[in-house]
Amino acid sequence: MKTILSLLVLVTACATAQPKKCVVSGCNGELCSEPGKQLISPCVVLPQHECLKKSRCEVQSSNKCGWTPTPEYMECMKKFKTK
């Protein structure tokens, strides 16, 4: 019984450790973070920040918030690729 209880506590702790959703933060909306842990950033406007609006701020496979690129994001970023 003690082992089962310990396992249940461990599983519950792991389940609550990952964010359930993420929010966009930063001066230009270029950061993706957990709610309540929004970050600030220098207000440097870069043209490629516009492409982030075409991606998704969500929980990644690492259980941390991050940007998920979409085909529209990848297409937008092509114009910023150096040759």
PDB file of N, CA and C in Angstrom:
ATOM      1  N   MET A   1       0.818  -1.190   0.000  1.00  0.00           N
ATOM      2  CA  MET A   1       0.000   0.000   0.000  1.00  0.00           C
ATOM      3  C   MET A   1       0.868   1.264   0.000  1.00  0.00           C
ATOM      4  N   LYS A   2       1.959   1.257   0.772  1.00  0.00           N
ATOM      5  CA  LYS A   2       2.852   2.404   0.846  1.00  0.00           C
ATOM      6  C   LYS A   2       3.486   2.680  -0.519  1.00  0.00           C
ATOM      7  N   THR A   3       3.861   1.618  -1.250  1.00  0.00           N
ATOM      8  CA  THR A   3       4.457   1.763  -2.575  1.00  0.00           C
ATOM      9  C   THR A   3       3.460   2.377  -3.555  1.00  0.00           C
ATOM     10  N   ILE A   4       2.224   1.932  -3.502  1.00  0.00           N
ATOM     11  CA  ILE A   4       1.191   2.466  -4.393  1.00  0.00           C
ATOM     12  C   ILE A   4       0.954   3.938  -4.087  1.00  0.00           C
ATOM     13  N   LEU A   5       0.896   4.302  -2.826  1.00  0.00           N
ATOM     14  CA  LEU A   5       0.698   5.681  -2.428  1.00  0.00           C
ATOM     15  C   LEU A   5       1.869   6.552  -2.889  1.00  0.00           C
ATOM     16  N   SER A   6       3.091   6.065  -2.734  1.00  0.00           N
ATOM     17  CA  SER A   6       4.274   6.802  -3.176  1.00  0.00           C
ATOM     18  C   SER A   6       4.250   7.007  -4.681  1.00  0.00           C
ATOM     19  N   LEU A   7       3.860   5.974  -5.420  1.00  0.00           N
ATOM     20  CA  LEU A   7       3.780   6.069  -6.867  1.00  0.00           C
ATOM     21  C   LEU A   7       2.714   7.074  -7.277  1.00  0.00           C
ATOM     22  N   LEU A   8       1.588   7.074  -6.604  1.00  0.00           N
ATOM     23  CA  LEU A   8       0.516   8.010  -6.895  1.00  0.00           C
ATOM     24  C   LEU A   8       0.965   9.443  -6.659  1.00  0.00           C
ATOM     25  N   VAL A   9       1.683   9.687  -5.581  1.00  0.00           N
ATOM     26  CA  VAL A   9       2.199  11.024  -5.293  1.00  0.00           C
ATOM     27  C   VAL A   9       3.188  11.450  -6.371  1.00  0.00           C
ATOM     28  N   LEU A  10       4.051  10.549  -6.801  1.00  0.00           N
ATOM     29  CA  LEU A  10       5.028  10.847  -7.841  1.00  0.00           C
ATOM     30  C   LEU A  10       4.351  11.163  -9.157  1.00  0.00           C
ATOM     31  N   VAL A  11       3.395  10.375  -9.570  1.00  0.00           N
ATOM     32  CA  VAL A  11       2.671  10.607 -10.822  1.00  0.00           C
ATOM     33  C   VAL A  11       1.924  11.928 -10.765  1.00  0.00           C
ATOM     34  N   THR A  12       1.287  12.224  -9.650  1.00  0.00           N
ATOM     35  CA  THR A  12       0.565  13.487  -9.489  1.00  0.00           C
ATOM     36  C   THR A  12       1.520  14.665  -9.572  1.00  0.00           C
ATOM     37  N   ALA A  13       2.672  14.565  -8.960  1.00  0.00           N
ATOM     38  CA  ALA A  13       3.664  15.647  -9.000  1.00  0.00           C
ATOM     39  C   ALA A  13       4.146  15.876 -10.418  1.00  0.00           C
ATOM     40  N   CYS A  14       4.382  14.826 -11.158  1.00  0.00           N
ATOM     41  CA  CYS A  14       4.832  14.961 -12.545  1.00  0.00           C
ATOM     42  C   CYS A  14       3.732  15.554 -13.414  1.00  0.00           C
ATOM     43  N   ALA A  15       2.514  15.162 -13.182  1.00  0.00           N
ATOM     44  CA  ALA A  15       1.400  15.647 -13.982  1.00  0.00           C
ATOM     45  C   ALA A  15       1.173  17.133 -13.765  1.00  0.00           C
ATOM     46  N   THR A  16       1.397  17.616 -12.557  1.00  0.00           N
ATOM     47  CA  THR A  16       1.166  19.028 -12.292  1.00  0.00           C
ATOM     48  C   THR A  16       2.391  19.875 -12.633  1.00  0.00           C
ATOM     49  N   ALA A  17       3.519  19.277 -12.898  1.00  0.00           N
ATOM     50  CA  ALA A  17       4.731  20.029 -13.197  1.00  0.00           C
ATOM     51  C   ALA A  17       4.711  20.646 -14.589  1.00  0.00           C
ATOM     52  N   GLN A  18       3.955  20.075 -15.507  1.00  0.00           N
ATOM     53  CA  GLN A  18       3.929  20.618 -16.857  1.00  0.00           C
ATOM     54  C   GLN A  18       2.798  21.628 -17.013  1.00  0.00           C
ATOM     55  N   PRO A  19       3.026  22.677 -17.792  1.00  0.00           N
ATOM     56  CA  PRO A  19       1.964  23.654 -18.005  1.00  0.00           C
ATOM     57  C   PRO A  19       0.839  23.047 -18.838  1.00  0.00           C
ATOM     58  N   LYS A  20      -0.383  23.466 -18.569  1.00  0.00           N
ATOM     59  CA  LYS A  20      -1.517  22.985 -19.343  1.00  0.00           C
ATOM     60  C   LYS A  20      -1.732  23.852 -20.572  1.00  0.00           C
ATOM     61  N   LYS A  21      -1.317  25.110 -20.491  1.00  0.00           N
ATOM     62  CA  LYS A  21      -1.395  25.995 -21.632  1.00  0.00           C
ATOM     63  C   LYS A  21      -0.264  27.010 -21.551  1.00  0.00           C
ATOM     64  N   CYS A  22      -0.060  27.702 -22.614  1.00  0.00           N
ATOM     65  CA  CYS A  22       1.021  28.679 -22.688  1.00  0.00           C
ATOM     66  C   CYS A  22       0.452  30.021 -23.151  1.00  0.00           C
ATOM     67  N   VAL A  23       1.183  31.082 -22.868  1.00  0.00           N
ATOM     68  CA  VAL A  23       0.762  32.418 -23.271  1.00  0.00           C
ATOM     69  C   VAL A  23       1.911  33.134 -23.976  1.00  0.00           C
ATOM     70  N   VAL A  24       1.546  34.045 -24.843  1.00  0.00           N
ATOM     71  CA  VAL A  24       2.516  34.859 -25.564  1.00  0.00           C
ATOM     72  C   VAL A  24       2.879  36.034 -24.664  1.00  0.00           C
ATOM     73  N   SER A  25       4.170  36.321 -24.546  1.00  0.00           N
ATOM     74  CA  SER A  25       4.621  37.449 -23.741  1.00  0.00           C
ATOM     75  C   SER A  25       5.801  38.117 -24.439  1.00  0.00           C
ATOM     76  N   GLY A  26       6.418  39.043 -23.763  1.00  0.00           N
ATOM     77  CA  GLY A  26       7.521  39.804 -24.356  1.00  0.00           C
ATOM     78  C   GLY A  26       6.994  41.094 -24.953  1.00  0.00           C
ATOM     79  N   CYS A  27       7.861  42.041 -25.119  1.00  0.00           N
ATOM     80  CA  CYS A  27       7.473  43.363 -25.620  1.00  0.00           C
ATOM     81  C   CYS A  27       6.801  43.290 -26.986  1.00  0.00           C
ATOM     82  N   ASN A  28       7.278  42.399 -27.841  1.00  0.00           N
ATOM     83  CA  ASN A  28       6.739  42.283 -29.196  1.00  0.00           C
ATOM     84  C   ASN A  28       5.976  40.984 -29.420  1.00  0.00           C
ATOM     85  N   GLY A  29       5.624  40.299 -28.339  1.00  0.00           N
ATOM     86  CA  GLY A  29       4.914  39.034 -28.485  1.00  0.00           C
ATOM     87  C   GLY A  29       5.785  37.940 -29.068  1.00  0.00           C
ATOM     88  N   GLU A  30       7.078  38.006 -28.784  1.00  0.00           N
ATOM     89  CA  GLU A  30       8.011  37.035 -29.360  1.00  0.00           C
ATOM     90  C   GLU A  30       8.375  35.909 -28.403  1.00  0.00           C
ATOM     91  N   LEU A  31       7.849  35.934 -27.183  1.00  0.00           N
ATOM     92  CA  LEU A  31       8.156  34.898 -26.196  1.00  0.00           C
ATOM     93  C   LEU A  31       6.919  34.054 -25.912  1.00  0.00           C
ATOM     94  N   CYS A  32       7.134  32.787 -25.620  1.00  0.00           N
ATOM     95  CA  CYS A  32       6.060  31.856 -25.298  1.00  0.00           C
ATOM     96  C   CYS A  32       6.373  31.280 -23.927  1.00  0.00           C
ATOM     97  N   SER A  33       5.488  31.505 -22.951  1.00  0.00           N
ATOM     98  CA  SER A  33       5.783  31.087 -21.584  1.00  0.00           C
ATOM     99  C   SER A  33       4.530  30.590 -20.877  1.00  0.00           C
ATOM    100  N   GLU A  34       4.731  30.074 -19.660  1.00  0.00           N
ATOM    101  CA  GLU A  34       3.623  29.588 -18.849  1.00  0.00           C
ATOM    102  C   GLU A  34       2.824  30.766 -18.303  1.00  0.00           C
ATOM    103  N   PRO A  35       1.513  30.593 -18.149  1.00  0.00           N
ATOM    104  CA  PRO A  35       0.714  31.651 -17.518  1.00  0.00           C
ATOM    105  C   PRO A  35       1.254  31.950 -16.116  1.00  0.00           C
ATOM    106  N   GLY A  36       1.338  33.208 -15.781  1.00  0.00           N
ATOM    107  CA  GLY A  36       1.864  33.606 -14.481  1.00  0.00           C
ATOM    108  C   GLY A  36       3.378  33.705 -14.465  1.00  0.00           C
ATOM    109  N   LYS A  37       4.028  33.242 -15.521  1.00  0.00           N
ATOM    110  CA  LYS A  37       5.490  33.308 -15.612  1.00  0.00           C
ATOM    111  C   LYS A  37       5.898  34.052 -16.880  1.00  0.00           C
ATOM    112  N   GLN A  38       5.061  35.023 -17.270  1.00  0.00           N
ATOM    113  CA  GLN A  38       5.365  35.785 -18.463  1.00  0.00           C
ATOM    114  C   GLN A  38       6.700  36.497 -18.303  1.00  0.00           C
ATOM    115  N   LEU A  39       7.369  36.653 -19.403  1.00  0.00           N
ATOM    116  CA  LEU A  39       8.692  37.254 -19.420  1.00  0.00           C
ATOM    117  C   LEU A  39       8.637  38.618 -20.081  1.00  0.00           C
ATOM    118  N   ILE A  40       9.594  39.442 -19.756  1.00  0.00           N
ATOM    119  CA  ILE A  40       9.729  40.716 -20.445  1.00  0.00           C
ATOM    120  C   ILE A  40      10.960  40.632 -21.332  1.00  0.00           C
ATOM    121  N   SER A  41      10.992  41.467 -22.329  1.00  0.00           N
ATOM    122  CA  SER A  41      12.132  41.469 -23.242  1.00  0.00           C
ATOM    123  C   SER A  41      12.391  42.890 -23.704  1.00  0.00           C
ATOM    124  N   PRO A  42      13.584  43.136 -24.236  1.00  0.00           N
ATOM    125  CA  PRO A  42      13.859  44.467 -24.781  1.00  0.00           C
ATOM    126  C   PRO A  42      12.902  44.722 -25.953  1.00  0.00           C
ATOM    127  N   CYS A  43      12.490  45.949 -26.104  1.00  0.00           N
ATOM    128  CA  CYS A  43      11.559  46.285 -27.185  1.00  0.00           C
ATOM    129  C   CYS A  43      12.314  46.532 -28.487  1.00  0.00           C
ATOM    130  N   VAL A  44      12.944  45.495 -28.973  1.00  0.00           N
ATOM    131  CA  VAL A  44      13.638  45.541 -30.257  1.00  0.00           C
ATOM    132  C   VAL A  44      12.703  44.897 -31.264  1.00  0.00           C
ATOM    133  N   VAL A  45      12.300  45.657 -32.258  1.00  0.00           N
ATOM    134  CA  VAL A  45      11.373  45.146 -33.254  1.00  0.00           C
ATOM    135  C   VAL A  45      12.175  44.548 -34.408  1.00  0.00           C
ATOM    136  N   LEU A  46      12.006  43.265 -34.607  1.00  0.00           N
ATOM    137  CA  LEU A  46      12.634  42.582 -35.730  1.00  0.00           C
ATOM    138  C   LEU A  46      11.546  42.173 -36.711  1.00  0.00           C
ATOM    139  N   PRO A  47      11.781  42.309 -38.003  1.00  0.00           N
ATOM    140  CA  PRO A  47      10.751  41.974 -38.992  1.00  0.00           C
ATOM    141  C   PRO A  47      10.260  40.533 -38.878  1.00  0.00           C
ATOM    142  N   GLN A  48      11.148  39.610 -38.526  1.00  0.00           N
ATOM    143  CA  GLN A  48      10.748  38.201 -38.453  1.00  0.00           C
ATOM    144  C   GLN A  48       9.789  37.908 -37.300  1.00  0.00           C
ATOM    145  N   HIS A  49       9.651  38.819 -36.343  1.00  0.00           N
ATOM    146  CA  HIS A  49       8.680  38.628 -35.261  1.00  0.00           C
ATOM    147  C   HIS A  49       7.266  38.529 -35.825  1.00  0.00           C
ATOM    148  N   GLU A  50       7.032  39.153 -36.962  1.00  0.00           N
ATOM    149  CA  GLU A  50       5.719  39.083 -37.610  1.00  0.00           C
ATOM    150  C   GLU A  50       5.352  37.638 -37.940  1.00  0.00           C
ATOM    151  N   CYS A  51       6.340  36.820 -38.268  1.00  0.00           N
ATOM    152  CA  CYS A  51       6.089  35.418 -38.616  1.00  0.00           C
ATOM    153  C   CYS A  51       5.600  34.606 -37.425  1.00  0.00           C
ATOM    154  N   LEU A  52       5.964  35.000 -36.206  1.00  0.00           N
ATOM    155  CA  LEU A  52       5.537  34.243 -35.028  1.00  0.00           C
ATOM    156  C   LEU A  52       4.019  34.196 -34.898  1.00  0.00           C
ATOM    157  N   LYS A  53       3.339  35.193 -35.456  1.00  0.00           N
ATOM    158  CA  LYS A  53       1.873  35.192 -35.424  1.00  0.00           C
ATOM    159  C   LYS A  53       1.301  34.029 -36.227  1.00  0.00           C
ATOM    160  N   LYS A  54       2.136  33.425 -37.055  1.00  0.00           N
ATOM    161  CA  LYS A  54       1.711  32.295 -37.886  1.00  0.00           C
ATOM    162  C   LYS A  54       2.110  30.951 -37.272  1.00  0.00           C
ATOM    163  N   SER A  55       2.680  30.977 -36.077  1.00  0.00           N
ATOM    164  CA  SER A  55       3.044  29.745 -35.368  1.00  0.00           C
ATOM    165  C   SER A  55       2.160  29.627 -34.125  1.00  0.00           C
ATOM    166  N   ARG A  56       2.355  28.562 -33.360  1.00  0.00           N
ATOM    167  CA  ARG A  56       1.520  28.330 -32.178  1.00  0.00           C
ATOM    168  C   ARG A  56       2.372  28.293 -30.916  1.00  0.00           C
ATOM    169  N   CYS A  57       1.964  29.056 -29.921  1.00  0.00           N
ATOM    170  CA  CYS A  57       2.596  29.048 -28.596  1.00  0.00           C
ATOM    171  C   CYS A  57       1.875  27.973 -27.800  1.00  0.00           C
ATOM    172  N   GLU A  58       2.578  26.855 -27.542  1.00  0.00           N
ATOM    173  CA  GLU A  58       1.932  25.730 -26.868  1.00  0.00           C
ATOM    174  C   GLU A  58       2.959  24.857 -26.159  1.00  0.00           C
ATOM    175  N   VAL A  59       2.468  23.921 -25.362  1.00  0.00           N
ATOM    176  CA  VAL A  59       3.340  22.995 -24.647  1.00  0.00           C
ATOM    177  C   VAL A  59       4.019  22.080 -25.672  1.00  0.00           C
ATOM    178  N   GLN A  60       5.340  21.957 -25.549  1.00  0.00           N
ATOM    179  CA  GLN A  60       6.129  21.142 -26.460  1.00  0.00           C
ATOM    180  C   GLN A  60       6.345  19.742 -25.880  1.00  0.00           C
ATOM    181  N   SER A  61       6.991  18.872 -26.625  1.00  0.00           N
ATOM    182  CA  SER A  61       7.252  17.506 -26.153  1.00  0.00           C
ATOM    183  C   SER A  61       8.150  17.489 -24.910  1.00  0.00           C
ATOM    184  N   SER A  62       8.865  18.573 -24.671  1.00  0.00           N
ATOM    185  CA  SER A  62       9.718  18.703 -23.484  1.00  0.00           C
ATOM    186  C   SER A  62       8.915  19.103 -22.245  1.00  0.00           C
ATOM    187  N   ASN A  63       7.600  19.257 -22.411  1.00  0.00           N
ATOM    188  CA  ASN A  63       6.684  19.720 -21.363  1.00  0.00           C
ATOM    189  C   ASN A  63       6.919  21.174 -20.975  1.00  0.00           C
ATOM    190  N   LYS A  64       7.582  21.923 -21.833  1.00  0.00           N
ATOM    191  CA  LYS A  64       7.796  23.349 -21.610  1.00  0.00           C
ATOM    192  C   LYS A  64       7.119  24.114 -22.736  1.00  0.00           C
ATOM    193  N   CYS A  65       6.790  25.350 -22.467  1.00  0.00           N
ATOM    194  CA  CYS A  65       6.153  26.176 -23.485  1.00  0.00           C
ATOM    195  C   CYS A  65       7.167  26.548 -24.565  1.00  0.00           C
ATOM    196  N   GLY A  66       6.703  26.619 -25.783  1.00  0.00           N
ATOM    197  CA  GLY A  66       7.549  27.000 -26.896  1.00  0.00           C
ATOM    198  C   GLY A  66       6.726  27.188 -28.150  1.00  0.00           C
ATOM    199  N   TRP A  67       7.387  27.599 -29.193  1.00  0.00           N
ATOM    200  CA  TRP A  67       6.719  27.858 -30.462  1.00  0.00           C
ATOM    201  C   TRP A  67       6.695  26.598 -31.322  1.00  0.00           C
ATOM    202  N   THR A  68       5.528  26.305 -31.865  1.00  0.00           N
ATOM    203  CA  THR A  68       5.380  25.209 -32.816  1.00  0.00           C
ATOM    204  C   THR A  68       5.248  25.832 -34.198  1.00  0.00           C
ATOM    205  N   PRO A  69       6.222  25.592 -35.083  1.00  0.00           N
ATOM    206  CA  PRO A  69       6.129  26.183 -36.418  1.00  0.00           C
ATOM    207  C   PRO A  69       5.007  25.533 -37.226  1.00  0.00           C
ATOM    208  N   THR A  70       4.360  26.326 -38.025  1.00  0.00           N
ATOM    209  CA  THR A  70       3.335  25.856 -38.947  1.00  0.00           C
ATOM    210  C   THR A  70       3.883  26.034 -40.359  1.00  0.00           C
ATOM    211  N   PRO A  71       3.252  25.449 -41.357  1.00  0.00           N
ATOM    212  CA  PRO A  71       3.702  25.689 -42.741  1.00  0.00           C
ATOM    213  C   PRO A  71       3.687  27.180 -43.095  1.00  0.00           C
ATOM    214  N   GLU A  72       2.708  27.917 -42.574  1.00  0.00           N
ATOM    215  CA  GLU A  72       2.630  29.358 -42.843  1.00  0.00           C
ATOM    216  C   GLU A  72       3.815  30.096 -42.212  1.00  0.00           C
ATOM    217  N   TYR A  73       4.218  29.671 -41.034  1.00  0.00           N
ATOM    218  CA  TYR A  73       5.379  30.263 -40.375  1.00  0.00           C
ATOM    219  C   TYR A  73       6.643  30.001 -41.195  1.00  0.00           C
ATOM    220  N   MET A  74       6.815  28.756 -41.614  1.00  0.00           N
ATOM    221  CA  MET A  74       8.014  28.394 -42.388  1.00  0.00           C
ATOM    222  C   MET A  74       8.066  29.190 -43.693  1.00  0.00           C
ATOM    223  N   GLU A  75       6.927  29.372 -44.330  1.00  0.00           N
ATOM    224  CA  GLU A  75       6.868  30.153 -45.567  1.00  0.00           C
ATOM    225  C   GLU A  75       7.229  31.610 -45.306  1.00  0.00           C
ATOM    226  N   CYS A  76       6.715  32.165 -44.233  1.00  0.00           N
ATOM    227  CA  CYS A  76       7.009  33.552 -43.859  1.00  0.00           C
ATOM    228  C   CYS A  76       8.500  33.738 -43.595  1.00  0.00           C
ATOM    229  N   MET A  77       9.118  32.788 -42.917  1.00  0.00           N
ATOM    230  CA  MET A  77      10.533  32.909 -42.564  1.00  0.00           C
ATOM    231  C   MET A  77      11.464  32.808 -43.767  1.00  0.00           C
ATOM    232  N   LYS A  78      10.993  32.251 -44.866  1.00  0.00           N
ATOM    233  CA  LYS A  78      11.840  32.134 -46.066  1.00  0.00           C
ATOM    234  C   LYS A  78      12.343  33.487 -46.540  1.00  0.00           C
ATOM    235  N   LYS A  79      11.537  34.525 -46.378  1.00  0.00           N
ATOM    236  CA  LYS A  79      11.960  35.841 -46.865  1.00  0.00           C
ATOM    237  C   LYS A  79      13.071  36.449 -45.998  1.00  0.00           C
ATOM    238  N   PHE A  80      13.361  35.855 -44.843  1.00  0.00           N
ATOM    239  CA  PHE A  80      14.417  36.348 -43.974  1.00  0.00           C
ATOM    240  C   PHE A  80      15.681  35.490 -44.042  1.00  0.00           C
ATOM    241  N   LYS A  81      15.636  34.446 -44.842  1.00  0.00           N
ATOM    242  CA  LYS A  81      16.782  33.543 -44.979  1.00  0.00           C
ATOM    243  C   LYS A  81      17.878  34.249 -45.774  1.00  0.00           C
ATOM    244  N   THR A  82      19.098  34.196 -45.249  1.00  0.00           N
ATOM    245  CA  THR A  82      20.216  34.820 -45.958  1.00  0.00           C
ATOM    246  C   THR A  82      20.710  33.883 -47.038  1.00  0.00           C
ATOM    247  N   LYS A  83      21.160  34.464 -48.105  1.00  0.00           N
ATOM    248  CA  LYS A  83      21.625  33.656 -49.244  1.00  0.00           C
ATOM    249  C   LYS A  83      23.121  33.553 -49.273  1.00  0.00           C
TER     250      LYS A  83
END
